[in-house]
Amino acid sequence: MRQALTTLTNKREALINKAARQRDQVAQTIAPLQAPLALVDNGISLIQFAKRHPLLSTGSVAVALKLINLLGLGKSFGRYWARWQLVKKVAAIIWK
């Protein structure tokens, strides 16, 4: 009986040590993903907020668009977008 208990205690300690090593390994694997996952989490929170407050979200977008229009950023954005599309098409032709 005493030997069986000692064997179980040894197996338990081995499993505890193995679990600790696995936790450390998982922590090292996940560490580089913390920043991207935090960004995704913030994005999900923003979407949930927009779903809960649709009028506030719509109003914010309307104000932002009005500011873009008043500052004249809409025209320059359109020009930059057109140039980007042109560069993409030329690059696709060149690297074909």
PDB file of N, CA and C in Angstrom:
ATOM      1  N   MET A   1       0.819  -1.189   0.000  1.00  0.00           N
ATOM      2  CA  MET A   1       0.000   0.000   0.000  1.00  0.00           C
ATOM      3  C   MET A   1       0.867   1.258   0.000  1.00  0.00           C
ATOM      4  N   ARG A   2       1.925   1.228   0.817  1.00  0.00           N
ATOM      5  CA  ARG A   2       2.809   2.387   0.928  1.00  0.00           C
ATOM      6  C   ARG A   2       3.519   2.644  -0.403  1.00  0.00           C
ATOM      7  N   GLN A   3       3.918   1.591  -1.092  1.00  0.00           N
ATOM      8  CA  GLN A   3       4.624   1.733  -2.370  1.00  0.00           C
ATOM      9  C   GLN A   3       3.683   2.283  -3.439  1.00  0.00           C
ATOM     10  N   ALA A   4       2.418   1.861  -3.434  1.00  0.00           N
ATOM     11  CA  ALA A   4       1.437   2.359  -4.400  1.00  0.00           C
ATOM     12  C   ALA A   4       1.210   3.853  -4.184  1.00  0.00           C
ATOM     13  N   LEU A   5       1.137   4.277  -2.935  1.00  0.00           N
ATOM     14  CA  LEU A   5       0.953   5.683  -2.621  1.00  0.00           C
ATOM     15  C   LEU A   5       2.162   6.514  -3.067  1.00  0.00           C
ATOM     16  N   THR A   6       3.358   5.967  -2.877  1.00  0.00           N
ATOM     17  CA  THR A   6       4.577   6.651  -3.315  1.00  0.00           C
ATOM     18  C   THR A   6       4.603   6.768  -4.840  1.00  0.00           C
ATOM     19  N   THR A   7       4.194   5.721  -5.516  1.00  0.00           N
ATOM     20  CA  THR A   7       4.148   5.738  -6.980  1.00  0.00           C
ATOM     21  C   THR A   7       3.165   6.798  -7.470  1.00  0.00           C
ATOM     22  N   LEU A   8       1.988   6.835  -6.849  1.00  0.00           N
ATOM     23  CA  LEU A   8       0.986   7.836  -7.244  1.00  0.00           C
ATOM     24  C   LEU A   8       1.497   9.261  -6.976  1.00  0.00           C
ATOM     25  N   THR A   9       2.177   9.447  -5.856  1.00  0.00           N
ATOM     26  CA  THR A   9       2.726  10.764  -5.532  1.00  0.00           C
ATOM     27  C   THR A   9       3.765  11.178  -6.565  1.00  0.00           C
ATOM     28  N   ASN A  10       4.614  10.254  -6.970  1.00  0.00           N
ATOM     29  CA  ASN A  10       5.631  10.549  -7.991  1.00  0.00           C
ATOM     30  C   ASN A  10       4.993  10.886  -9.331  1.00  0.00           C
ATOM     31  N   LYS A  11       3.962  10.109  -9.699  1.00  0.00           N
ATOM     32  CA  LYS A  11       3.264  10.380 -10.969  1.00  0.00           C
ATOM     33  C   LYS A  11       2.591  11.745 -10.921  1.00  0.00           C
ATOM     34  N   ARG A  12       1.996  12.073  -9.769  1.00  0.00           N
ATOM     35  CA  ARG A  12       1.330  13.362  -9.605  1.00  0.00           C
ATOM     36  C   ARG A  12       2.335  14.506  -9.759  1.00  0.00           C
ATOM     37  N   GLU A  13       3.462  14.396  -9.136  1.00  0.00           N
ATOM     38  CA  GLU A  13       4.491  15.430  -9.239  1.00  0.00           C
ATOM     39  C   GLU A  13       4.995  15.566 -10.674  1.00  0.00           C
ATOM     40  N   ALA A  14       5.146  14.422 -11.353  1.00  0.00           N
ATOM     41  CA  ALA A  14       5.593  14.460 -12.747  1.00  0.00           C
ATOM     42  C   ALA A  14       4.557  15.164 -13.629  1.00  0.00           C
ATOM     43  N   LEU A  15       3.278  14.882 -13.378  1.00  0.00           N
ATOM     44  CA  LEU A  15       2.218  15.528 -14.161  1.00  0.00           C
ATOM     45  C   LEU A  15       2.149  17.030 -13.858  1.00  0.00           C
ATOM     46  N   ILE A  16       2.333  17.392 -12.608  1.00  0.00           N
ATOM     47  CA  ILE A  16       2.321  18.819 -12.252  1.00  0.00           C
ATOM     48  C   ILE A  16       3.474  19.543 -12.944  1.00  0.00           C
ATOM     49  N   ASN A  17       4.649  18.932 -12.955  1.00  0.00           N
ATOM     50  CA  ASN A  17       5.807  19.532 -13.626  1.00  0.00           C
ATOM     51  C   ASN A  17       5.587  19.631 -15.127  1.00  0.00           C
ATOM     52  N   LYS A  18       4.990  18.598 -15.705  1.00  0.00           N
ATOM     53  CA  LYS A  18       4.715  18.597 -17.149  1.00  0.00           C
ATOM     54  C   LYS A  18       3.710  19.707 -17.490  1.00  0.00           C
ATOM     55  N   ALA A  19       2.688  19.853 -16.662  1.00  0.00           N
ATOM     56  CA  ALA A  19       1.685  20.901 -16.896  1.00  0.00           C
ATOM     57  C   ALA A  19       2.321  22.287 -16.792  1.00  0.00           C
ATOM     58  N   ALA A  20       3.229  22.458 -15.844  1.00  0.00           N
ATOM     59  CA  ALA A  20       3.913  23.754 -15.699  1.00  0.00           C
ATOM     60  C   ALA A  20       4.752  24.065 -16.936  1.00  0.00           C
ATOM     61  N   ARG A  21       5.463  23.066 -17.448  1.00  0.00           N
ATOM     62  CA  ARG A  21       6.260  23.272 -18.667  1.00  0.00           C
ATOM     63  C   ARG A  21       5.351  23.614 -19.853  1.00  0.00           C
ATOM     64  N   GLN A  22       4.203  22.935 -19.945  1.00  0.00           N
ATOM     65  CA  GLN A  22       3.278  23.206 -21.043  1.00  0.00           C
ATOM     66  C   GLN A  22       2.694  24.618 -20.933  1.00  0.00           C
ATOM     67  N   ARG A  23       2.379  25.052 -19.717  1.00  0.00           N
ATOM     68  CA  ARG A  23       1.883  26.422 -19.521  1.00  0.00           C
ATOM     69  C   ARG A  23       2.924  27.436 -19.962  1.00  0.00           C
ATOM     70  N   ASP A  24       4.174  27.205 -19.608  1.00  0.00           N
ATOM     71  CA  ASP A  24       5.249  28.107 -20.023  1.00  0.00           C
ATOM     72  C   ASP A  24       5.390  28.139 -21.540  1.00  0.00           C
ATOM     73  N   GLN A  25       5.281  26.975 -22.153  1.00  0.00           N
ATOM     74  CA  GLN A  25       5.404  26.891 -23.611  1.00  0.00           C
ATOM     75  C   GLN A  25       4.256  27.631 -24.293  1.00  0.00           C
ATOM     76  N   VAL A  26       3.045  27.458 -23.791  1.00  0.00           N
ATOM     77  CA  VAL A  26       1.896  28.157 -24.371  1.00  0.00           C
ATOM     78  C   VAL A  26       2.049  29.670 -24.180  1.00  0.00           C
ATOM     79  N   ALA A  27       2.521  30.082 -23.005  1.00  0.00           N
ATOM     80  CA  ALA A  27       2.722  31.513 -22.751  1.00  0.00           C
ATOM     81  C   ALA A  27       3.739  32.107 -23.719  1.00  0.00           C
ATOM     82  N   GLN A  28       4.811  31.384 -23.999  1.00  0.00           N
ATOM     83  CA  GLN A  28       5.820  31.871 -24.939  1.00  0.00           C
ATOM     84  C   GLN A  28       5.274  31.920 -26.363  1.00  0.00           C
ATOM     85  N   THR A  29       4.423  30.972 -26.706  1.00  0.00           N
ATOM     86  CA  THR A  29       3.852  30.935 -28.042  1.00  0.00           C
ATOM     87  C   THR A  29       2.861  32.076 -28.249  1.00  0.00           C
ATOM     88  N   ILE A  30       2.090  32.379 -27.228  1.00  0.00           N
ATOM     89  CA  ILE A  30       1.033  33.382 -27.352  1.00  0.00           C
ATOM     90  C   ILE A  30       1.555  34.805 -27.159  1.00  0.00           C
ATOM     91  N   ALA A  31       2.693  34.973 -26.527  1.00  0.00           N
ATOM     92  CA  ALA A  31       3.216  36.315 -26.214  1.00  0.00           C
ATOM     93  C   ALA A  31       3.274  37.244 -27.438  1.00  0.00           C
ATOM     94  N   PRO A  32       3.768  36.802 -28.604  1.00  0.00           N
ATOM     95  CA  PRO A  32       3.805  37.718 -29.760  1.00  0.00           C
ATOM     96  C   PRO A  32       2.418  38.079 -30.288  1.00  0.00           C
ATOM     97  N   LEU A  33       1.415  37.300 -29.925  1.00  0.00           N
ATOM     98  CA  LEU A  33       0.068  37.548 -30.436  1.00  0.00           C
ATOM     99  C   LEU A  33      -0.754  38.474 -29.547  1.00  0.00           C
ATOM    100  N   GLN A  34      -0.207  38.889 -28.414  1.00  0.00           N
ATOM    101  CA  GLN A  34      -0.989  39.707 -27.484  1.00  0.00           C
ATOM    102  C   GLN A  34      -1.411  41.034 -28.090  1.00  0.00           C
ATOM    103  N   ALA A  35      -0.518  41.732 -28.755  1.00  0.00           N
ATOM    104  CA  ALA A  35      -0.862  43.038 -29.328  1.00  0.00           C
ATOM    105  C   ALA A  35      -1.906  42.909 -30.444  1.00  0.00           C
ATOM    106  N   PRO A  36      -1.734  41.985 -31.411  1.00  0.00           N
ATOM    107  CA  PRO A  36      -2.774  41.850 -32.437  1.00  0.00           C
ATOM    108  C   PRO A  36      -4.122  41.414 -31.859  1.00  0.00           C
ATOM    109  N   LEU A  37      -4.100  40.537 -30.863  1.00  0.00           N
ATOM    110  CA  LEU A  37      -5.352  40.101 -30.258  1.00  0.00           C
ATOM    111  C   LEU A  37      -6.019  41.237 -29.495  1.00  0.00           C
ATOM    112  N   ALA A  38      -5.232  42.093 -28.871  1.00  0.00           N
ATOM    113  CA  ALA A  38      -5.799  43.253 -28.183  1.00  0.00           C
ATOM    114  C   ALA A  38      -6.455  44.194 -29.184  1.00  0.00           C
ATOM    115  N   LEU A  39      -5.841  44.361 -30.346  1.00  0.00           N
ATOM    116  CA  LEU A  39      -6.414  45.200 -31.390  1.00  0.00           C
ATOM    117  C   LEU A  39      -7.737  44.624 -31.895  1.00  0.00           C
ATOM    118  N   VAL A  40      -7.761  43.314 -32.092  1.00  0.00           N
ATOM    119  CA  VAL A  40      -8.999  42.652 -32.528  1.00  0.00           C
ATOM    120  C   VAL A  40     -10.074  42.811 -31.459  1.00  0.00           C
ATOM    121  N   ASP A  41      -9.688  42.672 -30.192  1.00  0.00           N
ATOM    122  CA  ASP A  41     -10.631  42.821 -29.100  1.00  0.00           C
ATOM    123  C   ASP A  41     -11.222  44.233 -29.080  1.00  0.00           C
ATOM    124  N   ASN A  42     -10.387  45.234 -29.298  1.00  0.00           N
ATOM    125  CA  ASN A  42     -10.888  46.612 -29.362  1.00  0.00           C
ATOM    126  C   ASN A  42     -11.834  46.807 -30.538  1.00  0.00           C
ATOM    127  N   GLY A  43     -11.522  46.197 -31.664  1.00  0.00           N
ATOM    128  CA  GLY A  43     -12.394  46.292 -32.829  1.00  0.00           C
ATOM    129  C   GLY A  43     -13.757  45.662 -32.580  1.00  0.00           C
ATOM    130  N   ILE A  44     -13.746  44.517 -31.927  1.00  0.00           N
ATOM    131  CA  ILE A  44     -15.010  43.848 -31.601  1.00  0.00           C
ATOM    132  C   ILE A  44     -15.821  44.698 -30.630  1.00  0.00           C
ATOM    133  N   SER A  45     -15.153  45.292 -29.652  1.00  0.00           N
ATOM    134  CA  SER A  45     -15.847  46.175 -28.703  1.00  0.00           C
ATOM    135  C   SER A  45     -16.460  47.370 -29.420  1.00  0.00           C
ATOM    136  N   LEU A  46     -15.735  47.921 -30.389  1.00  0.00           N
ATOM    137  CA  LEU A  46     -16.249  49.054 -31.154  1.00  0.00           C
ATOM    138  C   LEU A  46     -17.490  48.664 -31.959  1.00  0.00           C
ATOM    139  N   ILE A  47     -17.445  47.496 -32.572  1.00  0.00           N
ATOM    140  CA  ILE A  47     -18.598  47.019 -33.348  1.00  0.00           C
ATOM    141  C   ILE A  47     -19.796  46.788 -32.426  1.00  0.00           C
ATOM    142  N   GLN A  48     -19.571  46.201 -31.265  1.00  0.00           N
ATOM    143  CA  GLN A  48     -20.665  45.977 -30.323  1.00  0.00           C
ATOM    144  C   GLN A  48     -21.248  47.308 -29.852  1.00  0.00           C
ATOM    145  N   PHE A  49     -20.385  48.301 -29.609  1.00  0.00           N
ATOM    146  CA  PHE A  49     -20.860  49.622 -29.206  1.00  0.00           C
ATOM    147  C   PHE A  49     -21.719  50.226 -30.313  1.00  0.00           C
ATOM    148  N   ALA A  50     -21.266  50.094 -31.556  1.00  0.00           N
ATOM    149  CA  ALA A  50     -22.025  50.647 -32.685  1.00  0.00           C
ATOM    150  C   ALA A  50     -23.381  49.966 -32.821  1.00  0.00           C
ATOM    151  N   LYS A  51     -23.432  48.670 -32.534  1.00  0.00           N
ATOM    152  CA  LYS A  51     -24.715  47.962 -32.605  1.00  0.00           C
ATOM    153  C   LYS A  51     -25.657  48.408 -31.490  1.00  0.00           C
ATOM    154  N   ARG A  52     -25.092  48.704 -30.311  1.00  0.00           N
ATOM    155  CA  ARG A  52     -25.936  49.125 -29.186  1.00  0.00           C
ATOM    156  C   ARG A  52     -26.394  50.580 -29.333  1.00  0.00           C
ATOM    157  N   HIS A  53     -25.610  51.405 -30.015  1.00  0.00           N
ATOM    158  CA  HIS A  53     -25.915  52.829 -30.148  1.00  0.00           C
ATOM    159  C   HIS A  53     -25.858  53.239 -31.621  1.00  0.00           C
ATOM    160  N   PRO A  54     -26.815  52.787 -32.432  1.00  0.00           N
ATOM    161  CA  PRO A  54     -26.738  53.067 -33.878  1.00  0.00           C
ATOM    162  C   PRO A  54     -26.871  54.556 -34.221  1.00  0.00           C
ATOM    163  N   LEU A  55     -27.678  55.296 -33.468  1.00  0.00           N
ATOM    164  CA  LEU A  55     -27.852  56.712 -33.766  1.00  0.00           C
ATOM    165  C   LEU A  55     -26.561  57.488 -33.501  1.00  0.00           C
ATOM    166  N   LEU A  56     -25.911  57.183 -32.398  1.00  0.00           N
ATOM    167  CA  LEU A  56     -24.638  57.836 -32.072  1.00  0.00           C
ATOM    168  C   LEU A  56     -23.577  57.493 -33.114  1.00  0.00           C
ATOM    169  N   SER A  57     -23.528  56.240 -33.531  1.00  0.00           N
ATOM    170  CA  SER A  57     -22.552  55.815 -34.533  1.00  0.00           C
ATOM    171  C   SER A  57     -22.796  56.523 -35.865  1.00  0.00           C
ATOM    172  N   THR A  58     -24.047  56.574 -36.277  1.00  0.00           N
ATOM    173  CA  THR A  58     -24.385  57.225 -37.544  1.00  0.00           C
ATOM    174  C   THR A  58     -24.068  58.717 -37.475  1.00  0.00           C
ATOM    175  N   GLY A  59     -24.398  59.338 -36.361  1.00  0.00           N
ATOM    176  CA  GLY A  59     -24.108  60.759 -36.193  1.00  0.00           C
ATOM    177  C   GLY A  59     -22.615  61.041 -36.224  1.00  0.00           C
ATOM    178  N   SER A  60     -21.827  60.174 -35.605  1.00  0.00           N
ATOM    179  CA  SER A  60     -20.370  60.353 -35.601  1.00  0.00           C
ATOM    180  C   SER A  60     -19.801  60.264 -37.005  1.00  0.00           C
ATOM    181  N   VAL A  61     -20.282  59.305 -37.765  1.00  0.00           N
ATOM    182  CA  VAL A  61     -19.816  59.160 -39.154  1.00  0.00           C
ATOM    183  C   VAL A  61     -20.215  60.384 -39.967  1.00  0.00           C
ATOM    184  N   ALA A  62     -21.429  60.879 -39.760  1.00  0.00           N
ATOM    185  CA  ALA A  62     -21.885  62.060 -40.494  1.00  0.00           C
ATOM    186  C   ALA A  62     -21.019  63.278 -40.160  1.00  0.00           C
ATOM    187  N   VAL A  63     -20.696  63.470 -38.896  1.00  0.00           N
ATOM    188  CA  VAL A  63     -19.851  64.591 -38.490  1.00  0.00           C
ATOM    189  C   VAL A  63     -18.450  64.437 -39.089  1.00  0.00           C
ATOM    190  N   ALA A  64     -17.917  63.236 -39.055  1.00  0.00           N
ATOM    191  CA  ALA A  64     -16.582  63.001 -39.619  1.00  0.00           C
ATOM    192  C   ALA A  64     -16.570  63.301 -41.119  1.00  0.00           C
ATOM    193  N   LEU A  65     -17.585  62.847 -41.828  1.00  0.00           N
ATOM    194  CA  LEU A  65     -17.659  63.119 -43.267  1.00  0.00           C
ATOM    195  C   LEU A  65     -17.791  64.618 -43.551  1.00  0.00           C
ATOM    196  N   LYS A  66     -18.559  65.316 -42.720  1.00  0.00           N
ATOM    197  CA  LYS A  66     -18.709  66.759 -42.903  1.00  0.00           C
ATOM    198  C   LYS A  66     -17.369  67.469 -42.673  1.00  0.00           C
ATOM    199  N   LEU A  67     -16.631  67.052 -41.642  1.00  0.00           N
ATOM    200  CA  LEU A  67     -15.319  67.653 -41.392  1.00  0.00           C
ATOM    201  C   LEU A  67     -14.346  67.384 -42.533  1.00  0.00           C
ATOM    202  N   ILE A  68     -14.392  66.164 -43.055  1.00  0.00           N
ATOM    203  CA  ILE A  68     -13.527  65.837 -44.197  1.00  0.00           C
ATOM    204  C   ILE A  68     -13.871  66.727 -45.382  1.00  0.00           C
ATOM    205  N   ASN A  69     -15.155  66.953 -45.582  1.00  0.00           N
ATOM    206  CA  ASN A  69     -15.599  67.788 -46.694  1.00  0.00           C
ATOM    207  C   ASN A  69     -15.194  69.248 -46.478  1.00  0.00           C
ATOM    208  N   LEU A  70     -15.370  69.748 -45.248  1.00  0.00           N
ATOM    209  CA  LEU A  70     -15.024  71.140 -44.960  1.00  0.00           C
ATOM    210  C   LEU A  70     -13.531  71.400 -45.079  1.00  0.00           C
ATOM    211  N   LEU A  71     -12.719  70.438 -44.687  1.00  0.00           N
ATOM    212  CA  LEU A  71     -11.267  70.613 -44.745  1.00  0.00           C
ATOM    213  C   LEU A  71     -10.696  70.330 -46.134  1.00  0.00           C
ATOM    214  N   GLY A  72     -11.524  69.864 -47.034  1.00  0.00           N
ATOM    215  CA  GLY A  72     -11.064  69.603 -48.389  1.00  0.00           C
ATOM    216  C   GLY A  72     -10.262  68.321 -48.526  1.00  0.00           C
ATOM    217  N   LEU A  73     -10.367  67.459 -47.549  1.00  0.00           N
ATOM    218  CA  LEU A  73      -9.602  66.218 -47.604  1.00  0.00           C
ATOM    219  C   LEU A  73     -10.226  65.188 -48.541  1.00  0.00           C
ATOM    220  N   GLY A  74     -11.491  65.356 -48.840  1.00  0.00           N
ATOM    221  CA  GLY A  74     -12.180  64.409 -49.710  1.00  0.00           C
ATOM    222  C   GLY A  74     -11.611  64.398 -51.120  1.00  0.00           C
ATOM    223  N   LYS A  75     -11.304  65.598 -51.633  1.00  0.00           N
ATOM    224  CA  LYS A  75     -10.767  65.690 -52.994  1.00  0.00           C
ATOM    225  C   LYS A  75      -9.379  65.058 -53.074  1.00  0.00           C
ATOM    226  N   SER A  76      -8.535  65.385 -52.096  1.00  0.00           N
ATOM    227  CA  SER A  76      -7.185  64.823 -52.133  1.00  0.00           C
ATOM    228  C   SER A  76      -7.216  63.311 -51.923  1.00  0.00           C
ATOM    229  N   PHE A  77      -8.120  62.846 -51.077  1.00  0.00           N
ATOM    230  CA  PHE A  77      -8.251  61.409 -50.885  1.00  0.00           C
ATOM    231  C   PHE A  77      -8.653  60.739 -52.190  1.00  0.00           C
ATOM    232  N   GLY A  78      -9.582  61.346 -52.926  1.00  0.00           N
ATOM    233  CA  GLY A  78     -10.002  60.791 -54.209  1.00  0.00           C
ATOM    234  C   GLY A  78      -8.855  60.727 -55.204  1.00  0.00           C
ATOM    235  N   ARG A  79      -8.029  61.771 -55.213  1.00  0.00           N
ATOM    236  CA  ARG A  79      -6.878  61.776 -56.115  1.00  0.00           C
ATOM    237  C   ARG A  79      -5.876  60.692 -55.739  1.00  0.00           C
ATOM    238  N   TYR A  80      -5.598  60.598 -54.434  1.00  0.00           N
ATOM    239  CA  TYR A  80      -4.647  59.577 -53.979  1.00  0.00           C
ATOM    240  C   TYR A  80      -5.178  58.172 -54.244  1.00  0.00           C
ATOM    241  N   TRP A  81      -6.461  57.990 -54.092  1.00  0.00           N
ATOM    242  CA  TRP A  81      -7.061  56.680 -54.345  1.00  0.00           C
ATOM    243  C   TRP A  81      -6.937  56.329 -55.827  1.00  0.00           C
ATOM    244  N   ALA A  82      -7.208  57.278 -56.689  1.00  0.00           N
ATOM    245  CA  ALA A  82      -7.099  57.034 -58.130  1.00  0.00           C
ATOM    246  C   ALA A  82      -5.653  56.711 -58.512  1.00  0.00           C
ATOM    247  N   ARG A  83      -4.699  57.429 -57.927  1.00  0.00           N
ATOM    248  CA  ARG A  83      -3.286  57.154 -58.212  1.00  0.00           C
ATOM    249  C   ARG A  83      -2.896  55.758 -57.732  1.00  0.00           C
ATOM    250  N   TRP A  84      -3.366  55.395 -56.563  1.00  0.00           N
ATOM    251  CA  TRP A  84      -3.059  54.070 -56.027  1.00  0.00           C
ATOM    252  C   TRP A  84      -3.601  52.968 -56.950  1.00  0.00           C
ATOM    253  N   GLN A  85      -4.813  53.152 -57.428  1.00  0.00           N
ATOM    254  CA  GLN A  85      -5.391  52.168 -58.341  1.00  0.00           C
ATOM    255  C   GLN A  85      -4.585  52.083 -59.634  1.00  0.00           C
ATOM    256  N   LEU A  86      -4.127  53.227 -60.128  1.00  0.00           N
ATOM    257  CA  LEU A  86      -3.312  53.251 -61.335  1.00  0.00           C
ATOM    258  C   LEU A  86      -1.990  52.517 -61.108  1.00  0.00           C
ATOM    259  N   VAL A  87      -1.352  52.768 -59.973  1.00  0.00           N
ATOM    260  CA  VAL A  87      -0.095  52.087 -59.655  1.00  0.00           C
ATOM    261  C   VAL A  87      -0.305  50.580 -59.561  1.00  0.00           C
ATOM    262  N   LYS A  88      -1.394  50.165 -58.952  1.00  0.00           N
ATOM    263  CA  LYS A  88      -1.684  48.729 -58.838  1.00  0.00           C
ATOM    264  C   LYS A  88      -1.862  48.088 -60.224  1.00  0.00           C
ATOM    265  N   LYS A  89      -2.562  48.777 -61.110  1.00  0.00           N
ATOM    266  CA  LYS A  89      -2.780  48.228 -62.449  1.00  0.00           C
ATOM    267  C   LYS A  89      -1.486  48.148 -63.251  1.00  0.00           C
ATOM    268  N   VAL A  90      -0.679  49.186 -63.156  1.00  0.00           N
ATOM    269  CA  VAL A  90       0.607  49.201 -63.860  1.00  0.00           C
ATOM    270  C   VAL A  90       1.510  48.109 -63.311  1.00  0.00           C
ATOM    271  N   ALA A  91       1.544  47.974 -62.015  1.00  0.00           N
ATOM    272  CA  ALA A  91       2.379  46.933 -61.386  1.00  0.00           C
ATOM    273  C   ALA A  91       1.921  45.548 -61.812  1.00  0.00           C
ATOM    274  N   ALA A  92       0.621  45.357 -61.912  1.00  0.00           N
ATOM    275  CA  ALA A  92       0.097  44.058 -62.332  1.00  0.00           C
ATOM    276  C   ALA A  92       0.499  43.751 -63.766  1.00  0.00           C
ATOM    277  N   ILE A  93       0.513  44.780 -64.605  1.00  0.00           N
ATOM    278  CA  ILE A  93       0.925  44.566 -65.994  1.00  0.00           C
ATOM    279  C   ILE A  93       2.425  44.288 -66.090  1.00  0.00           C
ATOM    280  N   ILE A  94       3.206  45.034 -65.338  1.00  0.00           N
ATOM    281  CA  ILE A  94       4.662  44.866 -65.386  1.00  0.00           C
ATOM    282  C   ILE A  94       5.080  43.503 -64.864  1.00  0.00           C
ATOM    283  N   TRP A  95       4.521  43.069 -63.748  1.00  0.00           N
ATOM    284  CA  TRP A  95       4.947  41.834 -63.093  1.00  0.00           C
ATOM    285  C   TRP A  95       4.186  40.596 -63.561  1.00  0.00           C
ATOM    286  N   LYS A  96       3.456  40.755 -64.640  1.00  0.00           N
ATOM    287  CA  LYS A  96       2.675  39.623 -65.156  1.00  0.00           C
ATOM    288  C   LYS A  96       3.517  38.590 -65.792  1.00  0.00           C
TER     289      LYS A  96
END
